[in-house]
Amino acid sequence: MLIPIIGWMLFGLLIGAVARLLVPGPQPMGLLMTMLLGVAGSFTGGFVAYLIFGGTPFQAVGWIGSLIGAVALLLIAQRTSRRTTV
């Protein structure tokens, strides 16, 4: 039971880190938020694949689908949280 959770955490950390490397600009987040970004990106990629190809809403989409989902979430987060400095 604990092994799949650790696997999700490591996968999320790796996908989140790669997504942060691909998206330019500062992303002020630590390891936990990077891991959550990767896991949320995986769910997002799976849901988009479900909408396009069918299947189940929470399907595994692999590395590329997870990375696309994480990059999309990171770009959305950057666009919605722009702060202006005076």
PDB file of N, CA and C in Angstrom:
ATOM      1  N   MET A   1       0.823  -1.203   0.000  1.00  0.00           N
ATOM      2  CA  MET A   1       0.000   0.000   0.000  1.00  0.00           C
ATOM      3  C   MET A   1       0.860   1.256   0.000  1.00  0.00           C
ATOM      4  N   LEU A   2       1.971   1.237   0.697  1.00  0.00           N
ATOM      5  CA  LEU A   2       2.830   2.406   0.782  1.00  0.00           C
ATOM      6  C   LEU A   2       3.684   2.589  -0.470  1.00  0.00           C
ATOM      7  N   ILE A   3       4.026   1.496  -1.126  1.00  0.00           N
ATOM      8  CA  ILE A   3       4.892   1.555  -2.304  1.00  0.00           C
ATOM      9  C   ILE A   3       4.257   2.354  -3.446  1.00  0.00           C
ATOM     10  N   PRO A   4       2.970   2.169  -3.794  1.00  0.00           N
ATOM     11  CA  PRO A   4       2.390   2.982  -4.870  1.00  0.00           C
ATOM     12  C   PRO A   4       2.357   4.474  -4.529  1.00  0.00           C
ATOM     13  N   ILE A   5       2.150   4.813  -3.263  1.00  0.00           N
ATOM     14  CA  ILE A   5       2.118   6.222  -2.872  1.00  0.00           C
ATOM     15  C   ILE A   5       3.501   6.843  -3.035  1.00  0.00           C
ATOM     16  N   ILE A   6       4.534   6.114  -2.646  1.00  0.00           N
ATOM     17  CA  ILE A   6       5.903   6.620  -2.822  1.00  0.00           C
ATOM     18  C   ILE A   6       6.227   6.736  -4.301  1.00  0.00           C
ATOM     19  N   GLY A   7       5.754   5.794  -5.100  1.00  0.00           N
ATOM     20  CA  GLY A   7       5.960   5.864  -6.548  1.00  0.00           C
ATOM     21  C   GLY A   7       5.294   7.094  -7.150  1.00  0.00           C
ATOM     22  N   TRP A   8       4.049   7.393  -6.732  1.00  0.00           N
ATOM     23  CA  TRP A   8       3.358   8.591  -7.209  1.00  0.00           C
ATOM     24  C   TRP A   8       4.123   9.845  -6.806  1.00  0.00           C
ATOM     25  N   MET A   9       4.651   9.847  -5.576  1.00  0.00           N
ATOM     26  CA  MET A   9       5.385  11.020  -5.099  1.00  0.00           C
ATOM     27  C   MET A   9       6.657  11.249  -5.916  1.00  0.00           C
ATOM     28  N   LEU A  10       7.398  10.191  -6.180  1.00  0.00           N
ATOM     29  CA  LEU A  10       8.628  10.325  -6.966  1.00  0.00           C
ATOM     30  C   LEU A  10       8.325  10.706  -8.415  1.00  0.00           C
ATOM     31  N   PHE A  11       7.303  10.084  -8.986  1.00  0.00           N
ATOM     32  CA  PHE A  11       6.902  10.417 -10.353  1.00  0.00           C
ATOM     33  C   PHE A  11       6.463  11.876 -10.439  1.00  0.00           C
ATOM     34  N   GLY A  12       5.666  12.325  -9.464  1.00  0.00           N
ATOM     35  CA  GLY A  12       5.218  13.713  -9.434  1.00  0.00           C
ATOM     36  C   GLY A  12       6.368  14.678  -9.280  1.00  0.00           C
ATOM     37  N   LEU A  13       7.340  14.333  -8.444  1.00  0.00           N
ATOM     38  CA  LEU A  13       8.502  15.203  -8.258  1.00  0.00           C
ATOM     39  C   LEU A  13       9.310  15.316  -9.546  1.00  0.00           C
ATOM     40  N   LEU A  14       9.495  14.212 -10.223  1.00  0.00           N
ATOM     41  CA  LEU A  14      10.253  14.230 -11.482  1.00  0.00           C
ATOM     42  C   LEU A  14       9.511  15.011 -12.565  1.00  0.00           C
ATOM     43  N   ILE A  15       8.228  14.749 -12.742  1.00  0.00           N
ATOM     44  CA  ILE A  15       7.445  15.452 -13.760  1.00  0.00           C
ATOM     45  C   ILE A  15       7.350  16.935 -13.429  1.00  0.00           C
ATOM     46  N   GLY A  16       7.134  17.274 -12.164  1.00  0.00           N
ATOM     47  CA  GLY A  16       7.059  18.672 -11.754  1.00  0.00           C
ATOM     48  C   GLY A  16       8.373  19.401 -11.984  1.00  0.00           C
ATOM     49  N   ALA A  17       9.490  18.743 -11.698  1.00  0.00           N
ATOM     50  CA  ALA A  17      10.798  19.368 -11.903  1.00  0.00           C
ATOM     51  C   ALA A  17      11.068  19.611 -13.392  1.00  0.00           C
ATOM     52  N   VAL A  18      10.742  18.646 -14.228  1.00  0.00           N
ATOM     53  CA  VAL A  18      10.951  18.819 -15.673  1.00  0.00           C
ATOM     54  C   VAL A  18      10.036  19.922 -16.212  1.00  0.00           C
ATOM     55  N   ALA A  19       8.798  19.972 -15.735  1.00  0.00           N
ATOM     56  CA  ALA A  19       7.878  21.032 -16.168  1.00  0.00           C
ATOM     57  C   ALA A  19       8.413  22.404 -15.772  1.00  0.00           C
ATOM     58  N   ARG A  20       8.968  22.507 -14.564  1.00  0.00           N
ATOM     59  CA  ARG A  20       9.526  23.788 -14.125  1.00  0.00           C
ATOM     60  C   ARG A  20      10.745  24.175 -14.952  1.00  0.00           C
ATOM     61  N   LEU A  21      11.506  23.200 -15.414  1.00  0.00           N
ATOM     62  CA  LEU A  21      12.658  23.500 -16.276  1.00  0.00           C
ATOM     63  C   LEU A  21      12.216  23.969 -17.660  1.00  0.00           C
ATOM     64  N   LEU A  22      11.103  23.446 -18.152  1.00  0.00           N
ATOM     65  CA  LEU A  22      10.635  23.790 -19.492  1.00  0.00           C
ATOM     66  C   LEU A  22       9.935  25.143 -19.560  1.00  0.00           C
ATOM     67  N   VAL A  23       9.336  25.587 -18.462  1.00  0.00           N
ATOM     68  CA  VAL A  23       8.587  26.844 -18.452  1.00  0.00           C
ATOM     69  C   VAL A  23       9.515  27.957 -17.978  1.00  0.00           C
ATOM     70  N   PRO A  24       9.735  28.977 -18.811  1.00  0.00           N
ATOM     71  CA  PRO A  24      10.626  30.063 -18.396  1.00  0.00           C
ATOM     72  C   PRO A  24       9.987  30.947 -17.331  1.00  0.00           C
ATOM     73  N   GLY A  25      10.821  31.621 -16.597  1.00  0.00           N
ATOM     74  CA  GLY A  25      10.345  32.538 -15.575  1.00  0.00           C
ATOM     75  C   GLY A  25      10.468  31.926 -14.193  1.00  0.00           C
ATOM     76  N   PRO A  26      10.322  32.771 -13.187  1.00  0.00           N
ATOM     77  CA  PRO A  26      10.452  32.273 -11.814  1.00  0.00           C
ATOM     78  C   PRO A  26       9.206  31.517 -11.368  1.00  0.00           C
ATOM     79  N   GLN A  27       9.439  30.428 -10.679  1.00  0.00           N
ATOM     80  CA  GLN A  27       8.356  29.662 -10.068  1.00  0.00           C
ATOM     81  C   GLN A  27       8.717  29.463  -8.607  1.00  0.00           C
ATOM     82  N   PRO A  28       8.228  30.349  -7.745  1.00  0.00           N
ATOM     83  CA  PRO A  28       8.588  30.246  -6.326  1.00  0.00           C
ATOM     84  C   PRO A  28       7.827  29.120  -5.624  1.00  0.00           C
ATOM     85  N   MET A  29       8.342  27.910  -5.745  1.00  0.00           N
ATOM     86  CA  MET A  29       7.712  26.772  -5.073  1.00  0.00           C
ATOM     87  C   MET A  29       8.792  25.816  -4.613  1.00  0.00           C
ATOM     88  N   GLY A  30       8.521  25.130  -3.538  1.00  0.00           N
ATOM     89  CA  GLY A  30       9.464  24.166  -2.991  1.00  0.00           C
ATOM     90  C   GLY A  30       9.244  22.776  -3.552  1.00  0.00           C
ATOM     91  N   LEU A  31       9.869  21.802  -2.885  1.00  0.00           N
ATOM     92  CA  LEU A  31       9.780  20.419  -3.352  1.00  0.00           C
ATOM     93  C   LEU A  31       8.361  19.868  -3.254  1.00  0.00           C
ATOM     94  N   LEU A  32       7.661  20.191  -2.187  1.00  0.00           N
ATOM     95  CA  LEU A  32       6.309  19.669  -2.020  1.00  0.00           C
ATOM     96  C   LEU A  32       5.374  20.194  -3.109  1.00  0.00           C
ATOM     97  N   MET A  33       5.455  21.485  -3.398  1.00  0.00           N
ATOM     98  CA  MET A  33       4.607  22.060  -4.451  1.00  0.00           C
ATOM     99  C   MET A  33       5.009  21.535  -5.827  1.00  0.00           C
ATOM    100  N   THR A  34       6.298  21.283  -6.037  1.00  0.00           N
ATOM    101  CA  THR A  34       6.753  20.701  -7.305  1.00  0.00           C
ATOM    102  C   THR A  34       6.189  19.301  -7.463  1.00  0.00           C
ATOM    103  N   MET A  35       6.179  18.535  -6.373  1.00  0.00           N
ATOM    104  CA  MET A  35       5.617  17.188  -6.412  1.00  0.00           C
ATOM    105  C   MET A  35       4.114  17.237  -6.689  1.00  0.00           C
ATOM    106  N   LEU A  36       3.418  18.133  -6.020  1.00  0.00           N
ATOM    107  CA  LEU A  36       1.977  18.261  -6.246  1.00  0.00           C
ATOM    108  C   LEU A  36       1.678  18.736  -7.663  1.00  0.00           C
ATOM    109  N   LEU A  37       2.533  19.593  -8.214  1.00  0.00           N
ATOM    110  CA  LEU A  37       2.380  20.024  -9.608  1.00  0.00           C
ATOM    111  C   LEU A  37       2.460  18.827 -10.546  1.00  0.00           C
ATOM    112  N   GLY A  38       3.431  17.949 -10.330  1.00  0.00           N
ATOM    113  CA  GLY A  38       3.580  16.773 -11.181  1.00  0.00           C
ATOM    114  C   GLY A  38       2.408  15.812 -11.072  1.00  0.00           C
ATOM    115  N   VAL A  39       1.931  15.585  -9.858  1.00  0.00           N
ATOM    116  CA  VAL A  39       0.790  14.674  -9.663  1.00  0.00           C
ATOM    117  C   VAL A  39      -0.474  15.277 -10.274  1.00  0.00           C
ATOM    118  N   ALA A  40      -0.699  16.574 -10.031  1.00  0.00           N
ATOM    119  CA  ALA A  40      -1.877  17.234 -10.624  1.00  0.00           C
ATOM    120  C   ALA A  40      -1.774  17.265 -12.145  1.00  0.00           C
ATOM    121  N   GLY A  41      -0.568  17.441 -12.666  1.00  0.00           N
ATOM    122  CA  GLY A  41      -0.369  17.411 -14.111  1.00  0.00           C
ATOM    123  C   GLY A  41      -0.682  16.052 -14.694  1.00  0.00           C
ATOM    124  N   SER A  42      -0.368  15.008 -13.953  1.00  0.00           N
ATOM    125  CA  SER A  42      -0.682  13.663 -14.410  1.00  0.00           C
ATOM    126  C   SER A  42      -2.194  13.443 -14.479  1.00  0.00           C
ATOM    127  N   PHE A  43      -2.913  13.908 -13.451  1.00  0.00           N
ATOM    128  CA  PHE A  43      -4.370  13.794 -13.474  1.00  0.00           C
ATOM    129  C   PHE A  43      -4.973  14.650 -14.591  1.00  0.00           C
ATOM    130  N   THR A  44      -4.427  15.827 -14.785  1.00  0.00           N
ATOM    131  CA  THR A  44      -4.917  16.718 -15.845  1.00  0.00           C
ATOM    132  C   THR A  44      -4.688  16.095 -17.220  1.00  0.00           C
ATOM    133  N   GLY A  45      -3.488  15.572 -17.434  1.00  0.00           N
ATOM    134  CA  GLY A  45      -3.192  14.916 -18.704  1.00  0.00           C
ATOM    135  C   GLY A  45      -4.085  13.710 -18.947  1.00  0.00           C
ATOM    136  N   GLY A  46      -4.372  12.947 -17.901  1.00  0.00           N
ATOM    137  CA  GLY A  46      -5.265  11.793 -18.032  1.00  0.00           C
ATOM    138  C   GLY A  46      -6.682  12.203 -18.367  1.00  0.00           C
ATOM    139  N   PHE A  47      -7.151  13.303 -17.761  1.00  0.00           N
ATOM    140  CA  PHE A  47      -8.507  13.749 -18.038  1.00  0.00           C
ATOM    141  C   PHE A  47      -8.632  14.290 -19.460  1.00  0.00           C
ATOM    142  N   VAL A  48      -7.615  15.025 -19.927  1.00  0.00           N
ATOM    143  CA  VAL A  48      -7.636  15.539 -21.303  1.00  0.00           C
ATOM    144  C   VAL A  48      -7.595  14.371 -22.291  1.00  0.00           C
ATOM    145  N   ALA A  49      -6.795  13.356 -22.000  1.00  0.00           N
ATOM    146  CA  ALA A  49      -6.754  12.177 -22.871  1.00  0.00           C
ATOM    147  C   ALA A  49      -8.105  11.465 -22.889  1.00  0.00           C
ATOM    148  N   TYR A  50      -8.794  11.453 -21.750  1.00  0.00           N
ATOM    149  CA  TYR A  50     -10.137  10.876 -21.686  1.00  0.00           C
ATOM    150  C   TYR A  50     -11.101  11.657 -22.586  1.00  0.00           C
ATOM    151  N   LEU A  51     -11.010  12.985 -22.546  1.00  0.00           N
ATOM    152  CA  LEU A  51     -11.898  13.799 -23.378  1.00  0.00           C
ATOM    153  C   LEU A  51     -11.631  13.597 -24.867  1.00  0.00           C
ATOM    154  N   ILE A  52     -10.375  13.390 -25.221  1.00  0.00           N
ATOM    155  CA  ILE A  52     -10.011  13.257 -26.639  1.00  0.00           C
ATOM    156  C   ILE A  52     -10.218  11.822 -27.143  1.00  0.00           C
ATOM    157  N   PHE A  53      -9.709  10.849 -26.390  1.00  0.00           N
ATOM    158  CA  PHE A  53      -9.678   9.476 -26.882  1.00  0.00           C
ATOM    159  C   PHE A  53     -10.688   8.545 -26.238  1.00  0.00           C
ATOM    160  N   GLY A  54     -11.312   8.963 -25.143  1.00  0.00           N
ATOM    161  CA  GLY A  54     -12.227   8.078 -24.427  1.00  0.00           C
ATOM    162  C   GLY A  54     -11.485   7.285 -23.370  1.00  0.00           C
ATOM    163  N   GLY A  55     -12.133   6.279 -22.851  1.00  0.00           N
ATOM    164  CA  GLY A  55     -11.536   5.480 -21.783  1.00  0.00           C
ATOM    165  C   GLY A  55     -12.143   5.864 -20.455  1.00  0.00           C
ATOM    166  N   THR A  56     -11.299   5.981 -19.439  1.00  0.00           N
ATOM    167  CA  THR A  56     -11.758   6.384 -18.112  1.00  0.00           C
ATOM    168  C   THR A  56     -11.179   7.756 -17.770  1.00  0.00           C
ATOM    169  N   PRO A  57     -11.861   8.553 -16.952  1.00  0.00           N
ATOM    170  CA  PRO A  57     -11.372   9.894 -16.621  1.00  0.00           C
ATOM    171  C   PRO A  57     -10.038   9.893 -15.878  1.00  0.00           C
ATOM    172  N   PHE A  58      -9.759   8.855 -15.099  1.00  0.00           N
ATOM    173  CA  PHE A  58      -8.514   8.806 -14.338  1.00  0.00           C
ATOM    174  C   PHE A  58      -7.585   7.733 -14.882  1.00  0.00           C
ATOM    175  N   GLN A  59      -7.291   7.823 -16.173  1.00  0.00           N
ATOM    176  CA  GLN A  59      -6.431   6.830 -16.790  1.00  0.00           C
ATOM    177  C   GLN A  59      -4.976   7.285 -16.757  1.00  0.00           C
ATOM    178  N   ALA A  60      -4.081   6.339 -16.837  1.00  0.00           N
ATOM    179  CA  ALA A  60      -2.651   6.648 -16.885  1.00  0.00           C
ATOM    180  C   ALA A  60      -2.291   7.108 -18.294  1.00  0.00           C
ATOM    181  N   VAL A  61      -1.593   8.217 -18.396  1.00  0.00           N
ATOM    182  CA  VAL A  61      -1.238   8.734 -19.715  1.00  0.00           C
ATOM    183  C   VAL A  61       0.254   8.673 -19.965  1.00  0.00           C
ATOM    184  N   GLY A  62       1.036   8.280 -18.993  1.00  0.00           N
ATOM    185  CA  GLY A  62       2.467   8.147 -19.187  1.00  0.00           C
ATOM    186  C   GLY A  62       3.197   9.461 -18.993  1.00  0.00           C
ATOM    187  N   TRP A  63       4.456   9.421 -19.349  1.00  0.00           N
ATOM    188  CA  TRP A  63       5.350  10.551 -19.109  1.00  0.00           C
ATOM    189  C   TRP A  63       4.947  11.788 -19.900  1.00  0.00           C
ATOM    190  N   ILE A  64       4.677  11.620 -21.173  1.00  0.00           N
ATOM    191  CA  ILE A  64       4.424  12.780 -22.029  1.00  0.00           C
ATOM    192  C   ILE A  64       3.110  13.455 -21.671  1.00  0.00           C
ATOM    193  N   GLY A  65       2.057  12.687 -21.474  1.00  0.00           N
ATOM    194  CA  GLY A  65       0.774  13.271 -21.090  1.00  0.00           C
ATOM    195  C   GLY A  65       0.846  13.970 -19.745  1.00  0.00           C
ATOM    196  N   SER A  66       1.571  13.376 -18.799  1.00  0.00           N
ATOM    197  CA  SER A  66       1.738  13.991 -17.487  1.00  0.00           C
ATOM    198  C   SER A  66       2.531  15.281 -17.588  1.00  0.00           C
ATOM    199  N   LEU A  67       3.560  15.274 -18.408  1.00  0.00           N
ATOM    200  CA  LEU A  67       4.384  16.473 -18.584  1.00  0.00           C
ATOM    201  C   LEU A  67       3.593  17.592 -19.252  1.00  0.00           C
ATOM    202  N   ILE A  68       2.804  17.260 -20.252  1.00  0.00           N
ATOM    203  CA  ILE A  68       1.971  18.271 -20.911  1.00  0.00           C
ATOM    204  C   ILE A  68       0.963  18.853 -19.923  1.00  0.00           C
ATOM    205  N   GLY A  69       0.353  18.007 -19.105  1.00  0.00           N
ATOM    206  CA  GLY A  69      -0.581  18.484 -18.104  1.00  0.00           C
ATOM    207  C   GLY A  69       0.079  19.381 -17.069  1.00  0.00           C
ATOM    208  N   ALA A  70       1.280  19.018 -16.616  1.00  0.00           N
ATOM    209  CA  ALA A  70       1.989  19.816 -15.620  1.00  0.00           C
ATOM    210  C   ALA A  70       2.419  21.159 -16.195  1.00  0.00           C
ATOM    211  N   VAL A  71       2.895  21.165 -17.426  1.00  0.00           N
ATOM    212  CA  VAL A  71       3.291  22.430 -18.068  1.00  0.00           C
ATOM    213  C   VAL A  71       2.068  23.327 -18.241  1.00  0.00           C
ATOM    214  N   ALA A  72       0.948  22.753 -18.632  1.00  0.00           N
ATOM    215  CA  ALA A  72      -0.280  23.544 -18.795  1.00  0.00           C
ATOM    216  C   ALA A  72      -0.712  24.150 -17.461  1.00  0.00           C
ATOM    217  N   LEU A  73      -0.680  23.357 -16.389  1.00  0.00           N
ATOM    218  CA  LEU A  73      -1.052  23.881 -15.077  1.00  0.00           C
ATOM    219  C   LEU A  73      -0.094  24.970 -14.609  1.00  0.00           C
ATOM    220  N   LEU A  74       1.188  24.794 -14.875  1.00  0.00           N
ATOM    221  CA  LEU A  74       2.175  25.795 -14.477  1.00  0.00           C
ATOM    222  C   LEU A  74       1.985  27.095 -15.248  1.00  0.00           C
ATOM    223  N   LEU A  75       1.691  26.997 -16.538  1.00  0.00           N
ATOM    224  CA  LEU A  75       1.437  28.205 -17.325  1.00  0.00           C
ATOM    225  C   LEU A  75       0.175  28.917 -16.865  1.00  0.00           C
ATOM    226  N   ILE A  76      -0.860  28.150 -16.544  1.00  0.00           N
ATOM    227  CA  ILE A  76      -2.099  28.755 -16.033  1.00  0.00           C
ATOM    228  C   ILE A  76      -1.832  29.452 -14.701  1.00  0.00           C
ATOM    229  N   ALA A  77      -1.059  28.807 -13.832  1.00  0.00           N
ATOM    230  CA  ALA A  77      -0.751  29.402 -12.534  1.00  0.00           C
ATOM    231  C   ALA A  77       0.062  30.689 -12.698  1.00  0.00           C
ATOM    232  N   GLN A  78       0.999  30.693 -13.635  1.00  0.00           N
ATOM    233  CA  GLN A  78       1.792  31.904 -13.870  1.00  0.00           C
ATOM    234  C   GLN A  78       0.928  33.033 -14.412  1.00  0.00           C
ATOM    235  N   ARG A  79       0.040  32.726 -15.315  1.00  0.00           N
ATOM    236  CA  ARG A  79      -0.807  33.762 -15.923  1.00  0.00           C
ATOM    237  C   ARG A  79      -1.806  34.354 -14.930  1.00  0.00           C
ATOM    238  N   THR A  80      -2.313  33.524 -14.028  1.00  0.00           N
ATOM    239  CA  THR A  80      -3.325  34.013 -13.096  1.00  0.00           C
ATOM    240  C   THR A  80      -2.730  34.692 -11.868  1.00  0.00           C
ATOM    241  N   SER A  81      -1.460  34.458 -11.581  1.00  0.00           N
ATOM    242  CA  SER A  81      -0.883  35.045 -10.377  1.00  0.00           C
ATOM    243  C   SER A  81       0.205  36.054 -10.692  1.00  0.00           C
ATOM    244  N   ARG A  82       0.053  36.780 -11.781  1.00  0.00           N
ATOM    245  CA  ARG A  82       1.039  37.830 -12.107  1.00  0.00           C
ATOM    246  C   ARG A  82       0.926  38.941 -11.092  1.00  0.00           C
ATOM    247  N   ARG A  83       2.081  39.291 -10.534  1.00  0.00           N
ATOM    248  CA  ARG A  83       2.126  40.387  -9.574  1.00  0.00           C
ATOM    249  C   ARG A  83       2.926  41.527 -10.172  1.00  0.00           C
ATOM    250  N   THR A  84       2.424  42.718 -10.000  1.00  0.00           N
ATOM    251  CA  THR A  84       3.164  43.876 -10.482  1.00  0.00           C
ATOM    252  C   THR A  84       3.944  44.474  -9.327  1.00  0.00           C
ATOM    253  N   THR A  85       5.177  44.847  -9.598  1.00  0.00           N
ATOM    254  CA  THR A  85       6.000  45.465  -8.580  1.00  0.00           C
ATOM    255  C   THR A  85       6.051  46.966  -8.841  1.00  0.00           C
ATOM    256  N   VAL A  86       5.961  47.706  -7.791  1.00  0.00           N
ATOM    257  CA  VAL A  86       5.964  49.161  -7.920  1.00  0.00           C
ATOM    258  C   VAL A  86       7.279  49.711  -7.486  1.00  0.00           C
TER     259      VAL A  86
END
